Amino acid sequence: MLKTTTVSELRADLAELIKNLDDGPLLVLSRSRPAAVLVEPEMFDAIVEKCELLEDLVDGRRAISDYIKDRSIAVDAEEVFERLGH
């Protein structure tokens, strides 16, 4: 379950709220609306890593789709290495 706090409570109890992030993310409300989410650094890193993986998967699927539509866009590995100067 997502815990919530207000900006005012966050100001007053920041150290304690940060200490308790191992219990899960903390939604910070400002005027009863979501303003921020606090998470442990490890969770943030995991989220970023998953997003990057998903972006790579989308790019790969797009490349395969483009290749299926037009097989002439394929370049063999030797040409790629030549373009890279290897």
Protein backbone atom coordinates (compact mmCIF):
# COMPACT_ATOMS: atom_id res chain seq x y z
CA MET A 1 0.00 0.00 0.00
CA LEU A 2 1.28 3.45 -0.89
CA LYS A 3 1.78 5.67 2.13
CA THR A 4 1.01 9.37 1.92
CA THR A 5 2.11 12.51 3.71
CA THR A 6 1.65 16.22 3.23
CA VAL A 7 4.30 18.78 2.41
CA SER A 8 3.87 20.19 5.93
CA GLU A 9 4.38 16.77 7.52
CA LEU A 10 7.36 16.19 5.26
CA ARG A 11 9.01 19.39 6.46
CA ALA A 12 8.40 18.48 10.09
CA ASP A 13 9.41 14.80 9.92
CA LEU A 14 11.78 14.53 6.95
CA ALA A 15 14.44 12.41 8.66
CA GLU A 16 11.91 9.94 10.04
CA LEU A 17 10.01 9.69 6.75
CA ILE A 18 13.22 9.05 4.84
CA LYS A 19 14.23 6.40 7.37
CA ASN A 20 10.93 4.59 6.74
CA LEU A 21 11.24 4.47 2.94
CA ASP A 22 12.33 0.85 3.22
CA ASP A 23 8.63 0.19 3.93
CA GLY A 24 7.82 1.45 0.42
CA PRO A 25 7.32 4.65 -1.59
CA LEU A 26 5.86 7.75 0.00
CA LEU A 27 3.42 9.95 -1.91
CA VAL A 28 3.73 13.62 -0.92
CA LEU A 29 0.54 15.64 -1.23
CA SER A 30 0.32 19.38 -1.66
CA ARG A 31 -3.16 20.83 -1.29
CA SER A 32 -4.54 17.29 -1.44
CA ARG A 33 -2.90 16.65 -4.82
CA PRO A 34 0.11 14.46 -5.59
CA ALA A 35 3.26 16.59 -5.64
CA ALA A 36 6.10 14.06 -5.40
CA VAL A 37 6.99 10.47 -4.67
CA LEU A 38 9.90 9.59 -2.42
CA VAL A 39 11.60 6.23 -2.94
CA GLU A 40 14.82 4.59 -1.80
CA PRO A 41 17.75 5.14 -4.17
CA GLU A 42 17.86 1.41 -4.98
CA MET A 43 14.22 1.44 -6.02
CA PHE A 44 14.78 4.55 -8.16
CA ASP A 45 17.77 2.87 -9.86
CA ALA A 46 15.69 -0.26 -10.52
CA ILE A 47 12.89 1.82 -12.03
CA VAL A 48 15.31 3.69 -14.30
CA GLU A 49 16.95 0.43 -15.35
CA LYS A 50 13.58 -1.12 -16.23
CA CYS A 51 12.56 1.98 -18.20
CA GLU A 52 15.81 1.84 -20.18
CA LEU A 53 15.26 -1.86 -20.89
CA LEU A 54 11.71 -1.17 -22.06
CA GLU A 55 12.96 1.63 -24.33
CA ASP A 56 15.52 -0.78 -25.81
CA LEU A 57 12.80 -3.37 -26.40
CA VAL A 58 10.57 -0.81 -28.11
CA ASP A 59 13.49 0.34 -30.28
CA GLY A 60 14.25 -3.28 -31.20
CA ARG A 61 10.64 -4.02 -32.10
CA ARG A 62 10.51 -0.84 -34.17
CA ALA A 63 13.70 -1.83 -35.99
CA ILE A 64 12.31 -5.30 -36.75
CA SER A 65 9.05 -3.77 -37.98
CA ASP A 66 10.96 -1.35 -40.21
CA TYR A 67 13.07 -4.23 -41.56
CA ILE A 68 9.97 -6.31 -42.32
CA LYS A 69 8.52 -3.37 -44.28
CA ASP A 70 11.75 -2.65 -46.16
CA ARG A 71 14.47 -5.30 -46.10
CA SER A 72 16.81 -3.02 -48.04
CA ILE A 73 17.50 -1.02 -44.87
CA ALA A 74 19.57 -3.89 -43.46
CA VAL A 75 23.32 -3.33 -43.28
CA ASP A 76 25.76 -6.17 -42.79
CA ALA A 77 28.14 -6.18 -39.82
CA GLU A 78 31.25 -5.45 -41.91
CA GLU A 79 29.69 -2.24 -43.21
CA VAL A 80 28.71 -1.20 -39.68
CA PHE A 81 32.27 -1.72 -38.41
CA GLU A 82 33.63 0.12 -41.44
CA ARG A 83 31.36 3.10 -40.70
CA LEU A 84 32.53 3.03 -37.07
CA GLY A 85 36.15 3.00 -38.19
CA HIS A 86 37.05 -0.43 -36.86
